[in-house]
Amino acid sequence: MKAKRHDMISKLIASENIETQEELAGKLRDHGFSVTQATVSRDIKELRLIKVLTPEGRYRYATVEKAEADLQERFIRMFSNCVLSVTSAGNMIVIKTISGSANAAAEAVDTLKWPDILGSIAGDNTIFIAVRDAKSVGDIIKKFQKMLK
């Protein structure tokens, strides 16, 4: 029964903006589940649900994965808006940004979690990215350039 309830919770939060535990409990009851607020609270913890801000300025439940995907999309937009150039030297990639934007662009790079990227260091308008090996640099630069389009 718990697995079915968790499945229903996942479906509900994916399809509706559910803001409170009480609202979620009501939706579950509408679908034939007999739940208390305490049960819903435990389910939220077990499913690792978090509240995220909607475009309308309200909060809703979402999975961590969904929240991370939304955040990643925003960082990619920021990256594409502030990057001026992408070049390389050995196993390093050097990204030039609009002044004051390197930290935001580096955070976007870090959220991508690409396995060949070991880390990044950002200044005011320059990011240095350490790449696992020089052979991977060209492919990573192509991915960055694709993000800029």
Protein backbone atom coordinates (compact mmCIF):
# COMPACT_ATOMS: atom_id res chain seq x y z
CA MET A 1 0.00 0.00 0.00
CA LYS A 2 2.84 2.36 0.84
CA ALA A 3 4.46 1.86 -2.58
CA LYS A 4 1.16 2.62 -4.31
CA ARG A 5 0.70 5.72 -2.17
CA HIS A 6 4.24 6.90 -2.96
CA ASP A 7 3.58 6.32 -6.65
CA MET A 8 0.40 8.38 -6.44
CA ILE A 9 2.20 11.18 -4.60
CA SER A 10 4.83 11.27 -7.34
CA LYS A 11 2.13 11.47 -10.01
CA LEU A 12 0.22 14.17 -8.14
CA ILE A 13 3.17 16.49 -7.57
CA ALA A 14 4.30 16.04 -11.17
CA SER A 15 0.92 17.07 -12.54
CA GLU A 16 -0.36 19.60 -10.00
CA ASN A 17 0.93 22.48 -7.91
CA ILE A 18 0.46 21.11 -4.41
CA GLU A 19 1.51 23.60 -1.75
CA THR A 20 0.73 21.99 1.62
CA GLN A 21 0.67 18.62 3.34
CA GLU A 22 -3.05 19.08 3.95
CA GLU A 23 -3.65 19.64 0.24
CA LEU A 24 -1.61 16.55 -0.59
CA ALA A 25 -3.54 14.49 1.98
CA GLY A 26 -6.82 15.66 0.46
CA LYS A 27 -5.72 14.70 -3.05
CA LEU A 28 -4.66 11.26 -1.79
CA ARG A 29 -8.03 10.79 -0.10
CA ASP A 30 -9.72 11.80 -3.38
CA HIS A 31 -7.83 8.89 -4.97
CA GLY A 32 -8.96 6.39 -2.33
CA PHE A 33 -6.04 6.50 0.11
CA SER A 34 -6.82 6.75 3.81
CA VAL A 35 -4.06 8.98 5.18
CA THR A 36 -3.33 11.22 8.12
CA GLN A 37 -1.19 14.33 8.13
CA ALA A 38 1.51 12.37 9.97
CA THR A 39 1.54 9.71 7.24
CA VAL A 40 1.86 12.36 4.55
CA SER A 41 4.66 14.03 6.50
CA ARG A 42 6.58 10.73 6.66
CA ASP A 43 5.94 10.12 2.96
CA ILE A 44 7.36 13.56 2.10
CA LYS A 45 10.52 12.78 4.05
CA GLU A 46 10.89 9.30 2.57
CA LEU A 47 10.40 10.59 -0.97
CA ARG A 48 12.79 13.48 -0.24
CA LEU A 49 10.33 16.05 -1.53
CA ILE A 50 11.19 19.71 -1.30
CA LYS A 51 9.30 22.92 -1.87
CA VAL A 52 10.27 24.92 -4.95
CA LEU A 53 9.22 28.36 -6.10
CA THR A 54 6.83 28.41 -9.05
CA PRO A 55 6.92 31.09 -11.76
CA GLU A 56 3.80 32.55 -10.11
CA GLY A 57 5.75 33.15 -6.88
CA ARG A 58 4.14 30.33 -4.88
CA TYR A 59 5.71 27.19 -3.46
CA ARG A 60 4.93 23.62 -4.47
CA TYR A 61 6.25 20.15 -3.71
CA ALA A 62 8.76 18.65 -6.13
CA THR A 63 11.34 15.90 -6.19
CA VAL A 64 14.97 16.88 -5.67
CA GLU A 65 15.71 15.67 -9.21
CA LYS A 66 13.03 17.93 -10.70
CA ALA A 67 14.25 20.91 -8.68
CA GLU A 68 17.84 20.28 -9.76
CA ALA A 69 16.77 20.02 -13.41
CA ASP A 70 14.89 23.34 -13.19
CA LEU A 71 17.87 24.97 -11.50
CA GLN A 72 20.23 23.56 -14.10
CA GLU A 73 18.11 25.06 -16.89
CA ARG A 74 18.31 28.49 -15.23
CA PHE A 75 22.08 28.23 -14.84
CA ILE A 76 22.42 27.26 -18.51
CA ARG A 77 20.43 30.36 -19.49
CA MET A 78 22.69 32.48 -17.27
CA PHE A 79 25.75 30.81 -18.81
CA SER A 80 24.60 31.53 -22.34
CA ASN A 81 23.77 35.15 -21.46
CA CYS A 82 27.13 36.04 -19.93
CA VAL A 83 29.81 33.99 -21.74
CA LEU A 84 31.83 35.84 -24.36
CA SER A 85 34.36 33.18 -25.43
CA VAL A 86 35.54 29.63 -24.79
CA THR A 87 39.15 28.59 -25.50
CA SER A 88 41.61 26.02 -24.22
CA ALA A 89 45.22 25.47 -23.22
CA GLY A 90 46.32 21.89 -22.60
CA ASN A 91 43.80 20.25 -20.31
CA MET A 92 42.39 23.63 -19.21
CA ILE A 93 39.39 25.45 -20.65
CA VAL A 94 39.31 29.22 -20.30
CA ILE A 95 35.95 30.95 -20.44
CA LYS A 96 35.69 34.74 -20.68
CA THR A 97 32.48 36.33 -19.41
CA ILE A 98 30.90 39.73 -19.03
CA SER A 99 32.52 41.49 -16.07
CA GLY A 100 31.15 40.22 -12.76
CA SER A 101 29.51 37.14 -14.28
CA ALA A 102 32.18 34.47 -14.00
CA ASN A 103 30.95 33.09 -10.67
CA ALA A 104 27.43 32.54 -12.00
CA ALA A 105 28.75 30.91 -15.17
CA ALA A 106 31.09 28.68 -13.14
CA GLU A 107 28.18 27.61 -10.96
CA ALA A 108 26.35 26.63 -14.15
CA VAL A 109 29.36 24.55 -15.22
CA ASP A 110 29.49 22.87 -11.80
CA THR A 111 25.78 21.98 -11.88
CA LEU A 112 26.28 20.12 -15.17
CA LYS A 113 28.28 17.47 -13.28
CA TRP A 114 30.09 16.37 -16.43
CA PRO A 115 32.46 13.55 -15.44
CA ASP A 116 35.41 14.90 -17.47
CA ILE A 117 35.33 18.24 -15.63
CA LEU A 118 37.35 18.06 -12.43
CA GLY A 119 36.51 21.55 -11.20
CA SER A 120 36.38 25.24 -11.93
CA ILE A 121 37.84 28.45 -10.53
CA ALA A 122 36.15 31.77 -11.26
CA GLY A 123 37.42 35.30 -11.03
CA ASP A 124 35.48 38.40 -12.04
CA ASN A 125 35.34 37.73 -15.77
CA THR A 126 37.36 34.54 -16.31
CA ILE A 127 36.80 30.88 -15.48
CA PHE A 128 39.48 28.20 -15.52
CA ILE A 129 38.14 24.67 -15.88
CA ALA A 130 40.36 21.67 -15.19
CA VAL A 131 39.56 18.78 -17.52
CA ARG A 132 40.48 15.16 -16.74
CA ASP A 133 42.60 14.81 -19.89
CA ALA A 134 43.48 16.94 -22.89
CA LYS A 135 41.67 14.53 -25.26
CA SER A 136 38.31 15.53 -23.75
CA VAL A 137 38.80 19.28 -24.07
CA GLY A 138 37.53 19.55 -27.68
CA ASP A 139 34.30 17.68 -26.92
CA ILE A 140 33.62 19.78 -23.84
CA ILE A 141 34.22 23.01 -25.75
CA LYS A 142 31.74 21.84 -28.40
CA LYS A 143 29.16 21.21 -25.63
CA PHE A 144 29.76 24.71 -24.22
CA GLN A 145 29.42 26.25 -27.68
CA LYS A 146 26.15 24.37 -28.17
CA MET A 147 24.89 25.86 -24.90
CA LEU A 148 25.69 29.34 -26.24
CA LYS A 149 23.38 28.96 -29.23
